[in-house]
PDB file of N, CA and C in Angstrom:
ATOM      1  N   MET A   1      -7.947  -6.670  -8.588  1.00  0.00           N
ATOM      2  CA  MET A   1      -7.352  -5.845  -7.550  1.00  0.00           C
ATOM      3  C   MET A   1      -8.236  -5.867  -6.294  1.00  0.00           C
ATOM      4  N   ALA A   2      -9.557  -5.824  -6.490  1.00  0.00           N
ATOM      5  CA  ALA A   2     -10.465  -5.840  -5.346  1.00  0.00           C
ATOM      6  C   ALA A   2     -10.324  -7.139  -4.556  1.00  0.00           C
ATOM      7  N   LEU A   3     -10.095  -8.223  -5.261  1.00  0.00           N
ATOM      8  CA  LEU A   3      -9.928  -9.518  -4.593  1.00  0.00           C
ATOM      9  C   LEU A   3      -8.678  -9.521  -3.705  1.00  0.00           C
ATOM     10  N   THR A   4      -7.583  -8.937  -4.191  1.00  0.00           N
ATOM     11  CA  THR A   4      -6.365  -8.890  -3.378  1.00  0.00           C
ATOM     12  C   THR A   4      -6.531  -7.952  -2.187  1.00  0.00           C
ATOM     13  N   MET A   5      -7.285  -6.856  -2.368  1.00  0.00           N
ATOM     14  CA  MET A   5      -7.540  -5.961  -1.237  1.00  0.00           C
ATOM     15  C   MET A   5      -8.404  -6.648  -0.185  1.00  0.00           C
ATOM     16  N   ALA A   6      -9.380  -7.428  -0.646  1.00  0.00           N
ATOM     17  CA  ALA A   6     -10.192  -8.203   0.294  1.00  0.00           C
ATOM     18  C   ALA A   6      -9.324  -9.243   1.001  1.00  0.00           C
ATOM     19  N   GLY A   7      -8.411  -9.866   0.255  1.00  0.00           N
ATOM     20  CA  GLY A   7      -7.475 -10.815   0.854  1.00  0.00           C
ATOM     21  C   GLY A   7      -6.594 -10.161   1.895  1.00  0.00           C
ATOM     22  N   PHE A   8      -6.157  -8.938   1.606  1.00  0.00           N
ATOM     23  CA  PHE A   8      -5.350  -8.191   2.570  1.00  0.00           C
ATOM     24  C   PHE A   8      -6.154  -7.924   3.840  1.00  0.00           C
ATOM     25  N   ALA A   9      -7.396  -7.479   3.667  1.00  0.00           N
ATOM     26  CA  ALA A   9      -8.237  -7.187   4.836  1.00  0.00           C
ATOM     27  C   ALA A   9      -8.470  -8.448   5.669  1.00  0.00           C
ATOM     28  N   LEU A  10      -8.766  -9.554   5.004  1.00  0.00           N
ATOM     29  CA  LEU A  10      -9.018 -10.804   5.720  1.00  0.00           C
ATOM     30  C   LEU A  10      -7.777 -11.316   6.443  1.00  0.00           C
ATOM     31  N   THR A  11      -6.624 -11.290   5.768  1.00  0.00           N
ATOM     32  CA  THR A  11      -5.409 -11.778   6.430  1.00  0.00           C
ATOM     33  C   THR A  11      -4.982 -10.841   7.558  1.00  0.00           C
ATOM     34  N   THR A  12      -5.226  -9.547   7.396  1.00  0.00           N
ATOM     35  CA  THR A  12      -4.885  -8.594   8.459  1.00  0.00           C
ATOM     36  C   THR A  12      -5.739  -8.851   9.697  1.00  0.00           C
ATOM     37  N   VAL A  13      -7.036  -8.970   9.490  1.00  0.00           N
ATOM     38  CA  VAL A  13      -7.939  -9.228  10.628  1.00  0.00           C
ATOM     39  C   VAL A  13      -7.634 -10.594  11.238  1.00  0.00           C
ATOM     40  N   GLY A  14      -7.477 -11.599  10.394  1.00  0.00           N
ATOM     41  CA  GLY A  14      -7.192 -12.938  10.906  1.00  0.00           C
ATOM     42  C   GLY A  14      -5.891 -13.012  11.691  1.00  0.00           C
ATOM     43  N   ALA A  15      -4.839 -12.400  11.155  1.00  0.00           N
ATOM     44  CA  ALA A  15      -3.546 -12.417  11.844  1.00  0.00           C
ATOM     45  C   ALA A  15      -3.608 -11.639  13.154  1.00  0.00           C
ATOM     46  N   THR A  16      -4.325 -10.522  13.150  1.00  0.00           N
ATOM     47  CA  THR A  16      -4.438  -9.709  14.363  1.00  0.00           C
ATOM     48  C   THR A  16      -5.202 -10.457  15.450  1.00  0.00           C
ATOM     49  N   VAL A  17      -6.313 -11.067  15.079  1.00  0.00           N
ATOM     50  CA  VAL A  17      -7.103 -11.828  16.064  1.00  0.00           C
ATOM     51  C   VAL A  17      -6.285 -12.995  16.595  1.00  0.00           C
ATOM     52  N   PHE A  18      -5.615 -13.717  15.700  1.00  0.00           N
ATOM     53  CA  PHE A  18      -4.795 -14.854  16.132  1.00  0.00           C
ATOM     54  C   PHE A  18      -3.688 -14.391  17.093  1.00  0.00           C
ATOM     55  N   ALA A  19      -3.017 -13.288  16.747  1.00  0.00           N
ATOM     56  CA  ALA A  19      -1.929 -12.780  17.597  1.00  0.00           C
ATOM     57  C   ALA A  19      -2.442 -12.348  18.963  1.00  0.00           C
ATOM     58  N   ASP A  20      -3.615 -11.710  18.991  1.00  0.00           N
ATOM     59  CA  ASP A  20      -4.185 -11.272  20.274  1.00  0.00           C
ATOM     60  C   ASP A  20      -4.562 -12.446  21.170  1.00  0.00           C
ATOM     61  N   ARG A  21      -5.030 -13.524  20.560  1.00  0.00           N
ATOM     62  CA  ARG A  21      -5.484 -14.679  21.348  1.00  0.00           C
ATOM     63  C   ARG A  21      -4.366 -15.645  21.723  1.00  0.00           C
ATOM     64  N   HIS A  22      -3.375 -15.806  20.843  1.00  0.00           N
ATOM     65  CA  HIS A  22      -2.379 -16.862  21.056  1.00  0.00           C
ATOM     66  C   HIS A  22      -0.975 -16.348  21.384  1.00  0.00           C
ATOM     67  N   HIS A  23      -0.718 -15.070  21.232  1.00  0.00           N
ATOM     68  CA  HIS A  23       0.588 -14.479  21.527  1.00  0.00           C
ATOM     69  C   HIS A  23       1.748 -15.306  20.961  1.00  0.00           C
ATOM     70  N   PRO A  24       1.815 -15.413  19.630  1.00  0.00           N
ATOM     71  CA  PRO A  24       2.856 -16.253  19.024  1.00  0.00           C
ATOM     72  C   PRO A  24       4.251 -15.660  19.243  1.00  0.00           C
ATOM     73  N   GLY A  25       5.230 -16.514  19.130  1.00  0.00           N
ATOM     74  CA  GLY A  25       6.622 -16.088  19.255  1.00  0.00           C
ATOM     75  C   GLY A  25       7.473 -16.830  18.247  1.00  0.00           C
ATOM     76  N   GLY A  26       8.693 -16.398  18.097  1.00  0.00           N
ATOM     77  CA  GLY A  26       9.640 -17.075  17.215  1.00  0.00           C
ATOM     78  C   GLY A  26       9.189 -17.085  15.769  1.00  0.00           C
ATOM     79  N   ALA A  27       9.394 -18.233  15.115  1.00  0.00           N
ATOM     80  CA  ALA A  27       9.081 -18.372  13.690  1.00  0.00           C
ATOM     81  C   ALA A  27       7.591 -18.176  13.428  1.00  0.00           C
ATOM     82  N   GLU A  28       6.764 -18.626  14.340  1.00  0.00           N
ATOM     83  CA  GLU A  28       5.314 -18.475  14.172  1.00  0.00           C
ATOM     84  C   GLU A  28       4.924 -16.995  14.069  1.00  0.00           C
ATOM     85  N   LEU A  29       5.566 -16.157  14.853  1.00  0.00           N
ATOM     86  CA  LEU A  29       5.311 -14.720  14.806  1.00  0.00           C
ATOM     87  C   LEU A  29       5.672 -14.139  13.443  1.00  0.00           C
ATOM     88  N   TYR A  30       6.812 -14.546  12.909  1.00  0.00           N
ATOM     89  CA  TYR A  30       7.258 -14.022  11.613  1.00  0.00           C
ATOM     90  C   TYR A  30       6.369 -14.504  10.472  1.00  0.00           C
ATOM     91  N   VAL A  31       5.954 -15.750  10.519  1.00  0.00           N
ATOM     92  CA  VAL A  31       5.043 -16.276   9.488  1.00  0.00           C
ATOM     93  C   VAL A  31       3.710 -15.544   9.566  1.00  0.00           C
ATOM     94  N   LEU A  32       3.209 -15.342  10.760  1.00  0.00           N
ATOM     95  CA  LEU A  32       1.945 -14.640  10.952  1.00  0.00           C
ATOM     96  C   LEU A  32       2.037 -13.197  10.446  1.00  0.00           C
ATOM     97  N   ALA A  33       3.147 -12.538  10.726  1.00  0.00           N
ATOM     98  CA  ALA A  33       3.337 -11.159  10.263  1.00  0.00           C
ATOM     99  C   ALA A  33       3.492 -11.089   8.744  1.00  0.00           C
ATOM    100  N   MET A  34       3.982 -12.171   8.139  1.00  0.00           N
ATOM    101  CA  MET A  34       4.192 -12.187   6.695  1.00  0.00           C
ATOM    102  C   MET A  34       2.883 -12.379   5.924  1.00  0.00           C
ATOM    103  N   LEU A  35       1.910 -13.032   6.508  1.00  0.00           N
ATOM    104  CA  LEU A  35       0.681 -13.368   5.790  1.00  0.00           C
ATOM    105  C   LEU A  35      -0.009 -12.158   5.139  1.00  0.00           C
ATOM    106  N   PRO A  36      -0.207 -11.036   5.839  1.00  0.00           N
ATOM    107  CA  PRO A  36      -0.854  -9.898   5.177  1.00  0.00           C
ATOM    108  C   PRO A  36      -0.019  -9.274   4.053  1.00  0.00           C
ATOM    109  N   SER A  37       1.270  -9.552   4.031  1.00  0.00           N
ATOM    110  CA  SER A  37       2.094  -8.967   2.964  1.00  0.00           C
ATOM    111  C   SER A  37       1.954  -9.716   1.643  1.00  0.00           C
ATOM    112  N   ILE A  38       1.444 -10.940   1.668  1.00  0.00           N
ATOM    113  CA  ILE A  38       1.276 -11.706   0.429  1.00  0.00           C
ATOM    114  C   ILE A  38       0.284 -11.022  -0.511  1.00  0.00           C
ATOM    115  N   PRO A  39      -0.901 -10.585  -0.044  1.00  0.00           N
ATOM    116  CA  PRO A  39      -1.792  -9.857  -0.949  1.00  0.00           C
ATOM    117  C   PRO A  39      -1.202  -8.532  -1.441  1.00  0.00           C
ATOM    118  N   VAL A  40      -0.350  -7.918  -0.636  1.00  0.00           N
ATOM    119  CA  VAL A  40       0.293  -6.671  -1.075  1.00  0.00           C
ATOM    120  C   VAL A  40       1.194  -6.943  -2.272  1.00  0.00           C
ATOM    121  N   VAL A  41       1.956  -8.011  -2.216  1.00  0.00           N
ATOM    122  CA  VAL A  41       2.805  -8.390  -3.346  1.00  0.00           C
ATOM    123  C   VAL A  41       1.932  -8.677  -4.571  1.00  0.00           C
ATOM    124  N   CYS A  42       0.795  -9.325  -4.345  1.00  0.00           N
ATOM    125  CA  CYS A  42      -0.133  -9.607  -5.455  1.00  0.00           C
ATOM    126  C   CYS A  42      -0.676  -8.307  -6.058  1.00  0.00           C
ATOM    127  N   MET A  43      -0.995  -7.318  -5.213  1.00  0.00           N
ATOM    128  CA  MET A  43      -1.463  -6.020  -5.709  1.00  0.00           C
ATOM    129  C   MET A  43      -0.427  -5.389  -6.633  1.00  0.00           C
ATOM    130  N   LEU A  44       0.820  -5.420  -6.196  1.00  0.00           N
ATOM    131  CA  LEU A  44       1.890  -4.825  -7.004  1.00  0.00           C
ATOM    132  C   LEU A  44       2.105  -5.599  -8.292  1.00  0.00           C
ATOM    133  N   ALA A  45       1.971  -6.921  -8.235  1.00  0.00           N
ATOM    134  CA  ALA A  45       2.103  -7.727  -9.451  1.00  0.00           C
ATOM    135  C   ALA A  45       0.985  -7.403 -10.439  1.00  0.00           C
ATOM    136  N   ILE A  46      -0.234  -7.242  -9.944  1.00  0.00           N
ATOM    137  CA  ILE A  46      -1.356  -6.879 -10.809  1.00  0.00           C
ATOM    138  C   ILE A  46      -1.125  -5.512 -11.434  1.00  0.00           C
ATOM    139  N   LEU A  47      -0.652  -4.579 -10.650  1.00  0.00           N
ATOM    140  CA  LEU A  47      -0.359  -3.248 -11.185  1.00  0.00           C
ATOM    141  C   LEU A  47       0.744  -3.317 -12.237  1.00  0.00           C
ATOM    142  N   GLY A  48       1.755  -4.136 -11.990  1.00  0.00           N
ATOM    143  CA  GLY A  48       2.826  -4.320 -12.969  1.00  0.00           C
ATOM    144  C   GLY A  48       2.312  -4.935 -14.257  1.00  0.00           C
ATOM    145  N   MET A  49       1.401  -5.908 -14.154  1.00  0.00           N
ATOM    146  CA  MET A  49       0.819  -6.507 -15.362  1.00  0.00           C
ATOM    147  C   MET A  49      -0.025  -5.486 -16.121  1.00  0.00           C
ATOM    148  N   HIS A  50      -0.729  -4.640 -15.372  1.00  0.00           N
ATOM    149  CA  HIS A  50      -1.511  -3.584 -16.009  1.00  0.00           C
ATOM    150  C   HIS A  50      -0.596  -2.632 -16.787  1.00  0.00           C
ATOM    151  N   LEU A  51       0.505  -2.259 -16.180  1.00  0.00           N
ATOM    152  CA  LEU A  51       1.454  -1.375 -16.864  1.00  0.00           C
ATOM    153  C   LEU A  51       2.035  -2.037 -18.106  1.00  0.00           C
ATOM    154  N   ALA A  52       2.311  -3.325 -18.026  1.00  0.00           N
ATOM    155  CA  ALA A  52       2.866  -4.036 -19.178  1.00  0.00           C
ATOM    156  C   ALA A  52       1.862  -4.116 -20.328  1.00  0.00           C
ATOM    157  N   ARG A  53       0.578  -4.230 -20.004  1.00  0.00           N
ATOM    158  CA  ARG A  53      -0.457  -4.335 -21.044  1.00  0.00           C
ATOM    159  C   ARG A  53      -0.890  -2.987 -21.592  1.00  0.00           C
ATOM    160  N   GLU A  54      -0.655  -1.910 -20.846  1.00  0.00           N
ATOM    161  CA  GLU A  54      -1.102  -0.579 -21.274  1.00  0.00           C
ATOM    162  C   GLU A  54      -0.371  -0.163 -22.542  1.00  0.00           C
ATOM    163  N   ARG A  55      -1.131   0.111 -23.592  1.00  0.00           N
ATOM    164  CA  ARG A  55      -0.531   0.476 -24.878  1.00  0.00           C
ATOM    165  C   ARG A  55      -0.293   1.972 -25.010  1.00  0.00           C
ATOM    166  N   ASP A  56      -1.073   2.746 -24.295  1.00  0.00           N
ATOM    167  CA  ASP A  56      -0.945   4.200 -24.363  1.00  0.00           C
ATOM    168  C   ASP A  56       0.201   4.636 -23.445  1.00  0.00           C
ATOM    169  N   GLU A  57       1.268   5.119 -24.047  1.00  0.00           N
ATOM    170  CA  GLU A  57       2.449   5.500 -23.257  1.00  0.00           C
ATOM    171  C   GLU A  57       2.159   6.657 -22.310  1.00  0.00           C
ATOM    172  N   PHE A  58       1.281   7.560 -22.691  1.00  0.00           N
ATOM    173  CA  PHE A  58       0.938   8.670 -21.814  1.00  0.00           C
ATOM    174  C   PHE A  58       0.225   8.161 -20.561  1.00  0.00           C
ATOM    175  N   GLN A  59      -0.747   7.260 -20.736  1.00  0.00           N
ATOM    176  CA  GLN A  59      -1.454   6.686 -19.594  1.00  0.00           C
ATOM    177  C   GLN A  59      -0.488   5.905 -18.699  1.00  0.00           C
ATOM    178  N   ARG A  60       0.410   5.154 -19.318  1.00  0.00           N
ATOM    179  CA  ARG A  60       1.407   4.393 -18.553  1.00  0.00           C
ATOM    180  C   ARG A  60       2.289   5.342 -17.751  1.00  0.00           C
ATOM    181  N   ALA A  61       2.712   6.433 -18.376  1.00  0.00           N
ATOM    182  CA  ALA A  61       3.564   7.404 -17.683  1.00  0.00           C
ATOM    183  C   ALA A  61       2.820   8.040 -16.510  1.00  0.00           C
ATOM    184  N   MET A  62       1.518   8.279 -16.677  1.00  0.00           N
ATOM    185  CA  MET A  62       0.742   8.848 -15.566  1.00  0.00           C
ATOM    186  C   MET A  62       0.680   7.886 -14.383  1.00  0.00           C
ATOM    187  N   VAL A  63       0.492   6.604 -14.663  1.00  0.00           N
ATOM    188  CA  VAL A  63       0.454   5.610 -13.579  1.00  0.00           C
ATOM    189  C   VAL A  63       1.821   5.525 -12.900  1.00  0.00           C
ATOM    190  N   VAL A  64       2.886   5.523 -13.691  1.00  0.00           N
ATOM    191  CA  VAL A  64       4.238   5.446 -13.121  1.00  0.00           C
ATOM    192  C   VAL A  64       4.517   6.676 -12.257  1.00  0.00           C
ATOM    193  N   ARG A  65       4.154   7.873 -12.740  1.00  0.00           N
ATOM    194  CA  ARG A  65       4.357   9.081 -11.932  1.00  0.00           C
ATOM    195  C   ARG A  65       3.535   9.021 -10.644  1.00  0.00           C
ATOM    196  N   SER A  66       2.312   8.525 -10.740  1.00  0.00           N
ATOM    197  CA  SER A  66       1.479   8.386  -9.539  1.00  0.00           C
ATOM    198  C   SER A  66       2.126   7.419  -8.552  1.00  0.00           C
ATOM    199  N   LEU A  67       2.671   6.316  -9.080  1.00  0.00           N
ATOM    200  CA  LEU A  67       3.373   5.356  -8.222  1.00  0.00           C
ATOM    201  C   LEU A  67       4.571   6.006  -7.536  1.00  0.00           C
ATOM    202  N   LEU A  68       5.334   6.782  -8.282  1.00  0.00           N
ATOM    203  CA  LEU A  68       6.513   7.432  -7.703  1.00  0.00           C
ATOM    204  C   LEU A  68       6.117   8.420  -6.605  1.00  0.00           C
ATOM    205  N   TRP A  69       5.073   9.203  -6.836  1.00  0.00           N
ATOM    206  CA  TRP A  69       4.604  10.128  -5.798  1.00  0.00           C
ATOM    207  C   TRP A  69       4.119   9.351  -4.572  1.00  0.00           C
ATOM    208  N   ALA A  70       3.405   8.255  -4.801  1.00  0.00           N
ATOM    209  CA  ALA A  70       2.897   7.456  -3.684  1.00  0.00           C
ATOM    210  C   ALA A  70       4.039   6.808  -2.904  1.00  0.00           C
ATOM    211  N   ILE A  71       5.032   6.301  -3.603  1.00  0.00           N
ATOM    212  CA  ILE A  71       6.190   5.695  -2.933  1.00  0.00           C
ATOM    213  C   ILE A  71       6.926   6.744  -2.111  1.00  0.00           C
ATOM    214  N   GLY A  72       7.172   7.900  -2.708  1.00  0.00           N
ATOM    215  CA  GLY A  72       7.864   8.971  -1.987  1.00  0.00           C
ATOM    216  C   GLY A  72       7.089   9.453  -0.777  1.00  0.00           C
ATOM    217  N   GLY A  73       5.782   9.628  -0.934  1.00  0.00           N
ATOM    218  CA  GLY A  73       4.956  10.077   0.186  1.00  0.00           C
ATOM    219  C   GLY A  73       4.891   9.045   1.290  1.00  0.00           C
ATOM    220  N   THR A  74       4.755   7.793   0.911  1.00  0.00           N
ATOM    221  CA  THR A  74       4.708   6.726   1.909  1.00  0.00           C
ATOM    222  C   THR A  74       6.035   6.602   2.649  1.00  0.00           C
ATOM    223  N   LEU A  75       7.119   6.725   1.923  1.00  0.00           N
ATOM    224  CA  LEU A  75       8.441   6.681   2.558  1.00  0.00           C
ATOM    225  C   LEU A  75       8.595   7.843   3.540  1.00  0.00           C
ATOM    226  N   ALA A  76       8.155   9.033   3.155  1.00  0.00           N
ATOM    227  CA  ALA A  76       8.249  10.194   4.042  1.00  0.00           C
ATOM    228  C   ALA A  76       7.409   9.988   5.305  1.00  0.00           C
ATOM    229  N   VAL A  77       6.197   9.469   5.137  1.00  0.00           N
ATOM    230  CA  VAL A  77       5.339   9.207   6.302  1.00  0.00           C
ATOM    231  C   VAL A  77       5.981   8.146   7.196  1.00  0.00           C
ATOM    232  N   GLY A  78       6.520   7.096   6.590  1.00  0.00           N
ATOM    233  CA  GLY A  78       7.168   6.039   7.374  1.00  0.00           C
ATOM    234  C   GLY A  78       8.378   6.537   8.149  1.00  0.00           C
ATOM    235  N   VAL A  79       9.189   7.366   7.510  1.00  0.00           N
ATOM    236  CA  VAL A  79      10.360   7.928   8.192  1.00  0.00           C
ATOM    237  C   VAL A  79       9.918   8.836   9.340  1.00  0.00           C
ATOM    238  N   PHE A  80       8.917   9.673   9.085  1.00  0.00           N
ATOM    239  CA  PHE A  80       8.391  10.542  10.134  1.00  0.00           C
ATOM    240  C   PHE A  80       7.905   9.732  11.326  1.00  0.00           C
ATOM    241  N   MET A  81       7.086   8.698  11.059  1.00  0.00           N
ATOM    242  CA  MET A  81       6.557   7.871  12.149  1.00  0.00           C
ATOM    243  C   MET A  81       7.681   7.169  12.897  1.00  0.00           C
ATOM    244  N   GLY A  82       8.699   6.713  12.180  1.00  0.00           N
ATOM    245  CA  GLY A  82       9.834   6.059  12.822  1.00  0.00           C
ATOM    246  C   GLY A  82      10.590   6.991  13.753  1.00  0.00           C
ATOM    247  N   TYR A  83      10.807   8.220  13.319  1.00  0.00           N
ATOM    248  CA  TYR A  83      11.521   9.168  14.183  1.00  0.00           C
ATOM    249  C   TYR A  83      10.691   9.605  15.378  1.00  0.00           C
ATOM    250  N   VAL A  84       9.388   9.741  15.195  1.00  0.00           N
ATOM    251  CA  VAL A  84       8.546  10.078  16.350  1.00  0.00           C
ATOM    252  C   VAL A  84       8.666   8.989  17.409  1.00  0.00           C
ATOM    253  N   ARG A  85       8.610   7.710  16.955  1.00  0.00           N
ATOM    254  CA  ARG A  85       8.759   6.598  17.909  1.00  0.00           C
ATOM    255  C   ARG A  85      10.164   6.582  18.514  1.00  0.00           C
ATOM    256  N   ALA A  86      11.177   6.820  17.693  1.00  0.00           N
ATOM    257  CA  ALA A  86      12.561   6.779  18.180  1.00  0.00           C
ATOM    258  C   ALA A  86      12.838   7.878  19.207  1.00  0.00           C
ATOM    259  N   PHE A  87      12.186   9.021  19.040  1.00  0.00           N
ATOM    260  CA  PHE A  87      12.411  10.140  19.949  1.00  0.00           C
ATOM    261  C   PHE A  87      11.507  10.083  21.175  1.00  0.00           C
ATOM    262  N   GLY A  88      10.792   8.976  21.328  1.00  0.00           N
ATOM    263  CA  GLY A  88       9.994   8.783  22.532  1.00  0.00           C
ATOM    264  C   GLY A  88       8.545   9.193  22.401  1.00  0.00           C
ATOM    265  N   GLY A  89       8.149   9.639  21.242  1.00  0.00           N
ATOM    266  CA  GLY A  89       6.747   9.992  21.044  1.00  0.00           C
ATOM    267  C   GLY A  89       5.895   8.751  20.927  1.00  0.00           C
ATOM    268  N   VAL A  90       4.661   8.877  21.254  1.00  0.00           N
ATOM    269  CA  VAL A  90       3.752   7.745  21.174  1.00  0.00           C
ATOM    270  C   VAL A  90       2.957   7.889  19.880  1.00  0.00           C
ATOM    271  N   LEU A  91       3.289   7.060  18.928  1.00  0.00           N
ATOM    272  CA  LEU A  91       2.600   7.093  17.640  1.00  0.00           C
ATOM    273  C   LEU A  91       2.413   5.651  17.187  1.00  0.00           C
ATOM    274  N   ASN A  92       1.481   4.972  17.819  1.00  0.00           N
ATOM    275  CA  ASN A  92       1.232   3.571  17.492  1.00  0.00           C
ATOM    276  C   ASN A  92       0.031   3.463  16.570  1.00  0.00           C
ATOM    277  N   LEU A  93       0.283   3.612  15.289  1.00  0.00           N
ATOM    278  CA  LEU A  93      -0.778   3.465  14.298  1.00  0.00           C
ATOM    279  C   LEU A  93      -0.887   2.007  13.886  1.00  0.00           C
ATOM    280  N   PRO A  94      -2.035   1.608  13.363  1.00  0.00           N
ATOM    281  CA  PRO A  94      -2.185   0.213  12.920  1.00  0.00           C
ATOM    282  C   PRO A  94      -1.151  -0.152  11.858  1.00  0.00           C
ATOM    283  N   ALA A  95      -0.865  -1.439  11.754  1.00  0.00           N
ATOM    284  CA  ALA A  95       0.168  -1.919  10.834  1.00  0.00           C
ATOM    285  C   ALA A  95      -0.166  -1.635   9.377  1.00  0.00           C
ATOM    286  N   PHE A  96      -1.441  -1.516   9.050  1.00  0.00           N
ATOM    287  CA  PHE A  96      -1.831  -1.306   7.655  1.00  0.00           C
ATOM    288  C   PHE A  96      -1.797   0.165   7.235  1.00  0.00           C
ATOM    289  N   THR A  97      -1.360   1.050   8.113  1.00  0.00           N
ATOM    290  CA  THR A  97      -1.364   2.486   7.828  1.00  0.00           C
ATOM    291  C   THR A  97      -0.559   2.828   6.581  1.00  0.00           C
ATOM    292  N   GLU A  98       0.608   2.222   6.410  1.00  0.00           N
ATOM    293  CA  GLU A  98       1.441   2.548   5.252  1.00  0.00           C
ATOM    294  C   GLU A  98       0.759   2.165   3.940  1.00  0.00           C
ATOM    295  N   LEU A  99       0.087   1.019   3.916  1.00  0.00           N
ATOM    296  CA  LEU A  99      -0.591   0.600   2.691  1.00  0.00           C
ATOM    297  C   LEU A  99      -1.732   1.551   2.348  1.00  0.00           C
ATOM    298  N   VAL A 100      -2.504   1.927   3.348  1.00  0.00           N
ATOM    299  CA  VAL A 100      -3.595   2.875   3.115  1.00  0.00           C
ATOM    300  C   VAL A 100      -3.028   4.215   2.648  1.00  0.00           C
ATOM    301  N   ALA A 101      -1.966   4.678   3.294  1.00  0.00           N
ATOM    302  CA  ALA A 101      -1.344   5.944   2.893  1.00  0.00           C
ATOM    303  C   ALA A 101      -0.848   5.872   1.449  1.00  0.00           C
ATOM    304  N   PHE A 102      -0.257   4.736   1.067  1.00  0.00           N
ATOM    305  CA  PHE A 102       0.236   4.560  -0.297  1.00  0.00           C
ATOM    306  C   PHE A 102      -0.888   4.723  -1.309  1.00  0.00           C
ATOM    307  N   TRP A 103      -1.999   4.010  -1.108  1.00  0.00           N
ATOM    308  CA  TRP A 103      -3.085   4.052  -2.094  1.00  0.00           C
ATOM    309  C   TRP A 103      -3.796   5.396  -2.087  1.00  0.00           C
ATOM    310  N   VAL A 104      -3.909   6.041  -0.928  1.00  0.00           N
ATOM    311  CA  VAL A 104      -4.496   7.386  -0.894  1.00  0.00           C
ATOM    312  C   VAL A 104      -3.615   8.361  -1.671  1.00  0.00           C
ATOM    313  N   MET A 105      -2.303   8.285  -1.452  1.00  0.00           N
ATOM    314  CA  MET A 105      -1.382   9.178  -2.170  1.00  0.00           C
ATOM    315  C   MET A 105      -1.368   8.875  -3.663  1.00  0.00           C
ATOM    316  N   PHE A 106      -1.463   7.604  -4.018  1.00  0.00           N
ATOM    317  CA  PHE A 106      -1.537   7.232  -5.429  1.00  0.00           C
ATOM    318  C   PHE A 106      -2.779   7.852  -6.059  1.00  0.00           C
ATOM    319  N   GLY A 107      -3.909   7.726  -5.390  1.00  0.00           N
ATOM    320  CA  GLY A 107      -5.153   8.291  -5.903  1.00  0.00           C
ATOM    321  C   GLY A 107      -5.094   9.797  -6.050  1.00  0.00           C
ATOM    322  N   ILE A 108      -4.553  10.475  -5.050  1.00  0.00           N
ATOM    323  CA  ILE A 108      -4.432  11.937  -5.116  1.00  0.00           C
ATOM    324  C   ILE A 108      -3.520  12.342  -6.271  1.00  0.00           C
ATOM    325  N   ALA A 109      -2.377  11.673  -6.391  1.00  0.00           N
ATOM    326  CA  ALA A 109      -1.440  11.995  -7.473  1.00  0.00           C
ATOM    327  C   ALA A 109      -2.074  11.760  -8.837  1.00  0.00           C
ATOM    328  N   HIS A 110      -2.844  10.697  -8.956  1.00  0.00           N
ATOM    329  CA  HIS A 110      -3.475  10.385 -10.240  1.00  0.00           C
ATOM    330  C   HIS A 110      -4.537  11.432 -10.594  1.00  0.00           C
ATOM    331  N   VAL A 111      -5.346  11.841  -9.612  1.00  0.00           N
ATOM    332  CA  VAL A 111      -6.369  12.865  -9.854  1.00  0.00           C
ATOM    333  C   VAL A 111      -5.709  14.195 -10.217  1.00  0.00           C
ATOM    334  N   VAL A 112      -4.656  14.557  -9.513  1.00  0.00           N
ATOM    335  CA  VAL A 112      -3.953  15.809  -9.819  1.00  0.00           C
ATOM    336  C   VAL A 112      -3.417  15.782 -11.244  1.00  0.00           C
ATOM    337  N   GLN A 113      -2.848  14.672 -11.644  1.00  0.00           N
ATOM    338  CA  GLN A 113      -2.331  14.571 -13.011  1.00  0.00           C
ATOM    339  C   GLN A 113      -3.451  14.632 -14.043  1.00  0.00           C
ATOM    340  N   MET A 114      -4.556  13.962 -13.762  1.00  0.00           N
ATOM    341  CA  MET A 114      -5.674  13.989 -14.699  1.00  0.00           C
ATOM    342  C   MET A 114      -6.183  15.413 -14.883  1.00  0.00           C
ATOM    343  N   ARG A 115      -6.248  16.159 -13.796  1.00  0.00           N
ATOM    344  CA  ARG A 115      -6.688  17.556 -13.897  1.00  0.00           C
ATOM    345  C   ARG A 115      -5.634  18.416 -14.584  1.00  0.00           C
ATOM    346  N   ARG A 116      -4.403  18.147 -14.275  1.00  0.00           N
ATOM    347  CA  ARG A 116      -3.321  18.928 -14.878  1.00  0.00           C
ATOM    348  C   ARG A 116      -3.305  18.768 -16.392  1.00  0.00           C
ATOM    349  N   TYR A 117      -3.477  17.551 -16.837  1.00  0.00           N
ATOM    350  CA  TYR A 117      -3.439  17.273 -18.274  1.00  0.00           C
ATOM    351  C   TYR A 117      -4.830  17.206 -18.887  1.00  0.00           C
ATOM    352  N   ARG A 118      -5.865  17.407 -18.059  1.00  0.00           N
ATOM    353  CA  ARG A 118      -7.251  17.375 -18.514  1.00  0.00           C
ATOM    354  C   ARG A 118      -7.586  16.086 -19.277  1.00  0.00           C
ATOM    355  N   VAL A 119      -7.217  14.964 -18.637  1.00  0.00           N
ATOM    356  CA  VAL A 119      -7.443  13.646 -19.237  1.00  0.00           C
ATOM    357  C   VAL A 119      -8.824  13.152 -18.830  1.00  0.00           C
ATOM    358  N   LYS A 120      -9.585  12.679 -19.807  1.00  0.00           N
ATOM    359  CA  LYS A 120     -10.900  12.115 -19.513  1.00  0.00           C
ATOM    360  C   LYS A 120     -10.737  10.615 -19.315  1.00  0.00           C
ATOM    361  N   SER A 121     -11.514  10.085 -18.385  1.00  0.00           N
ATOM    362  CA  SER A 121     -11.443   8.666 -18.071  1.00  0.00           C
ATOM    363  C   SER A 121     -12.004   7.841 -19.224  1.00  0.00           C
ATOM    364  N   ASP A 122     -11.438   6.626 -19.404  1.00  0.00           N
ATOM    365  CA  ASP A 122     -11.923   5.712 -20.442  1.00  0.00           C
ATOM    366  C   ASP A 122     -13.232   5.052 -20.041  1.00  0.00           C
ATOM    367  N   ASP A 123     -13.554   5.094 -18.732  1.00  0.00           N
ATOM    368  CA  ASP A 123     -14.751   4.399 -18.224  1.00  0.00           C
ATOM    369  C   ASP A 123     -16.013   5.053 -18.665  1.00  0.00           C
TER     370      ASP A 123
END
């Protein structure tokens, strides 16, 4: 997972620097914008493989609930940001904001569940 996050950071920085210097358009712009999303898909695939391998149904359910809370929270933040922009407000956050918000919300949801059920970490 750390490798895919590093890949995301590298492709984000690389794509941003390239876009600032070369001002791509057309298909080149879309390919450039797609590059940082490849590690995101890999992150989700790794998480899916982890869920498939998890034998403890309770632990699996906690991860799924955390994912659902993170998806819902990220969707709410995205809708809010979209309406602020649509209504003329200036809210230009970096493109990676949704991904960071997703993982922060996932972490918060997971910690809340661990405390709620008093689950001790396997680590």
